Amino acid sequence: MVGLSKKEIDEKFGHLLKAFEYGAPPHGGIALGIERFLMIMLNEKSIREVMPFPKTGDGRDLMMEAPSPVSPEQLKELNIKTSA
């Protein structure tokens, strides 16, 4: 439907598709900000202290393997140029 091969779909979205085999999340994707509320209530300096799946200090999400590499076609589609 989006023009990706089976291999590309597995590389980019395999973890998500595997998770959905167990069903949609019970919250339906609605985030209530509970982590931020807990951070304030517990007087923590970082939201990472109360999040069950925090990102690393450099912004990587190890569970979702993000950010992930993008193809030159994706960059061209979005009109993004990189410099080396």
C-alpha atoms as a PDB file:
ATOM      1  CA  MET A   1       0.000   0.000   0.000  1.00  0.00           C
ATOM      2  CA  VAL A   2       2.854   2.423   0.768  1.00  0.00           C
ATOM      3  CA  GLY A   3       5.252   0.935  -1.768  1.00  0.00           C
ATOM      4  CA  LEU A   4       7.630  -0.810   0.628  1.00  0.00           C
ATOM      5  CA  SER A   5       8.968  -4.303   0.135  1.00  0.00           C
ATOM      6  CA  LYS A   6       8.370  -7.028   2.746  1.00  0.00           C
ATOM      7  CA  LYS A   7      12.034  -6.706   3.782  1.00  0.00           C
ATOM      8  CA  GLU A   8      11.761  -2.914   4.269  1.00  0.00           C
ATOM      9  CA  ILE A   9       8.557  -3.330   6.262  1.00  0.00           C
ATOM     10  CA  ASP A  10      10.214  -5.890   8.539  1.00  0.00           C
ATOM     11  CA  GLU A  11      13.310  -3.689   9.004  1.00  0.00           C
ATOM     12  CA  LYS A  12      11.388  -0.499   9.762  1.00  0.00           C
ATOM     13  CA  PHE A  13       8.224  -1.713  11.454  1.00  0.00           C
ATOM     14  CA  GLY A  14       8.824  -5.343  12.407  1.00  0.00           C
ATOM     15  CA  HIS A  15       8.916  -4.659  16.143  1.00  0.00           C
ATOM     16  CA  LEU A  16       5.647  -2.756  15.978  1.00  0.00           C
ATOM     17  CA  LEU A  17       3.886  -5.344  13.819  1.00  0.00           C
ATOM     18  CA  LYS A  18       5.021  -8.080  16.185  1.00  0.00           C
ATOM     19  CA  ALA A  19       3.617  -6.127  19.145  1.00  0.00           C
ATOM     20  CA  PHE A  20       0.254  -5.677  17.402  1.00  0.00           C
ATOM     21  CA  GLU A  21      -0.015  -9.461  17.029  1.00  0.00           C
ATOM     22  CA  TYR A  22      -0.934  -9.357  20.732  1.00  0.00           C
ATOM     23  CA  GLY A  23      -3.594  -6.683  20.156  1.00  0.00           C
ATOM     24  CA  ALA A  24      -3.862  -2.905  20.292  1.00  0.00           C
ATOM     25  CA  PRO A  25      -2.745  -1.096  23.453  1.00  0.00           C
ATOM     26  CA  PRO A  26      -5.552  -0.846  26.024  1.00  0.00           C
ATOM     27  CA  HIS A  27      -5.179   2.945  26.259  1.00  0.00           C
ATOM     28  CA  GLY A  28      -5.829   3.332  22.525  1.00  0.00           C
ATOM     29  CA  GLY A  29      -2.839   5.629  22.105  1.00  0.00           C
ATOM     30  CA  ILE A  30      -4.165   8.360  24.392  1.00  0.00           C
ATOM     31  CA  ALA A  31      -1.362   9.660  26.599  1.00  0.00           C
ATOM     32  CA  LEU A  32      -2.531  11.187  29.852  1.00  0.00           C
ATOM     33  CA  GLY A  33       0.837  12.486  31.027  1.00  0.00           C
ATOM     34  CA  ILE A  34       0.973  10.214  34.045  1.00  0.00           C
ATOM     35  CA  GLU A  35       4.779  10.118  33.951  1.00  0.00           C
ATOM     36  CA  ARG A  36       5.038  13.900  34.180  1.00  0.00           C
ATOM     37  CA  PHE A  37       2.519  13.957  37.029  1.00  0.00           C
ATOM     38  CA  LEU A  38       4.505  11.284  38.896  1.00  0.00           C
ATOM     39  CA  MET A  39       7.742  13.167  38.297  1.00  0.00           C
ATOM     40  CA  ILE A  40       6.273  16.259  39.959  1.00  0.00           C
ATOM     41  CA  MET A  41       4.647  14.320  42.812  1.00  0.00           C
ATOM     42  CA  LEU A  42       7.849  12.391  43.565  1.00  0.00           C
ATOM     43  CA  ASN A  43      10.005  15.515  43.205  1.00  0.00           C
ATOM     44  CA  GLU A  44      12.240  13.873  40.570  1.00  0.00           C
ATOM     45  CA  LYS A  45      14.487  16.036  38.401  1.00  0.00           C
ATOM     46  CA  SER A  46      14.128  13.838  35.304  1.00  0.00           C
ATOM     47  CA  ILE A  47      11.069  12.190  33.799  1.00  0.00           C
ATOM     48  CA  ARG A  48      13.317   9.222  32.970  1.00  0.00           C
ATOM     49  CA  GLU A  49      13.198   8.292  36.653  1.00  0.00           C
ATOM     50  CA  VAL A  50       9.489   7.446  36.422  1.00  0.00           C
ATOM     51  CA  MET A  51       9.144   6.217  32.826  1.00  0.00           C
ATOM     52  CA  PRO A  52       8.978   2.467  32.257  1.00  0.00           C
ATOM     53  CA  PHE A  53      10.721   2.689  28.833  1.00  0.00           C
ATOM     54  CA  PRO A  54      12.854   5.846  28.809  1.00  0.00           C
ATOM     55  CA  LYS A  55      14.993   7.102  25.963  1.00  0.00           C
ATOM     56  CA  THR A  56      18.728   7.271  26.530  1.00  0.00           C
ATOM     57  CA  GLY A  57      20.514  10.548  27.265  1.00  0.00           C
ATOM     58  CA  ASP A  58      21.261  11.053  23.574  1.00  0.00           C
ATOM     59  CA  GLY A  59      17.606  10.625  22.553  1.00  0.00           C
ATOM     60  CA  ARG A  60      17.721   7.010  21.351  1.00  0.00           C
ATOM     61  CA  ASP A  61      14.868   4.628  22.054  1.00  0.00           C
ATOM     62  CA  LEU A  62      16.444   1.208  22.487  1.00  0.00           C
ATOM     63  CA  MET A  63      13.102  -0.650  22.465  1.00  0.00           C
ATOM     64  CA  MET A  64      12.003   0.870  19.142  1.00  0.00           C
ATOM     65  CA  GLU A  65      15.503   1.098  17.678  1.00  0.00           C
ATOM     66  CA  ALA A  66      14.954   4.760  16.924  1.00  0.00           C
ATOM     67  CA  PRO A  67      16.173   6.833  15.323  1.00  0.00           C
ATOM     68  CA  SER A  68      16.810   4.438  12.475  1.00  0.00           C
ATOM     69  CA  PRO A  69      18.546   4.980   9.143  1.00  0.00           C
ATOM     70  CA  VAL A  70      16.546   6.507   6.308  1.00  0.00           C
ATOM     71  CA  SER A  71      16.933   5.798   2.628  1.00  0.00           C
ATOM     72  CA  PRO A  72      18.092   8.387   0.083  1.00  0.00           C
ATOM     73  CA  GLU A  73      14.607   8.150  -1.486  1.00  0.00           C
ATOM     74  CA  GLN A  74      12.987   9.201   1.795  1.00  0.00           C
ATOM     75  CA  LEU A  75      15.342  12.162   2.132  1.00  0.00           C
ATOM     76  CA  LYS A  76      14.640  13.233  -1.457  1.00  0.00           C
ATOM     77  CA  GLU A  77      10.883  12.941  -0.903  1.00  0.00           C
ATOM     78  CA  LEU A  78      11.138  15.262   2.095  1.00  0.00           C
ATOM     79  CA  ASN A  79      13.563  17.635   0.365  1.00  0.00           C
ATOM     80  CA  ILE A  80      16.266  17.000   2.985  1.00  0.00           C
ATOM     81  CA  LYS A  81      19.938  17.202   2.105  1.00  0.00           C
ATOM     82  CA  THR A  82      22.704  15.926   4.332  1.00  0.00           C
ATOM     83  CA  SER A  83      26.239  17.184   4.608  1.00  0.00           C
ATOM     84  CA  ALA A  84      29.216  15.005   5.379  1.00  0.00           C
END
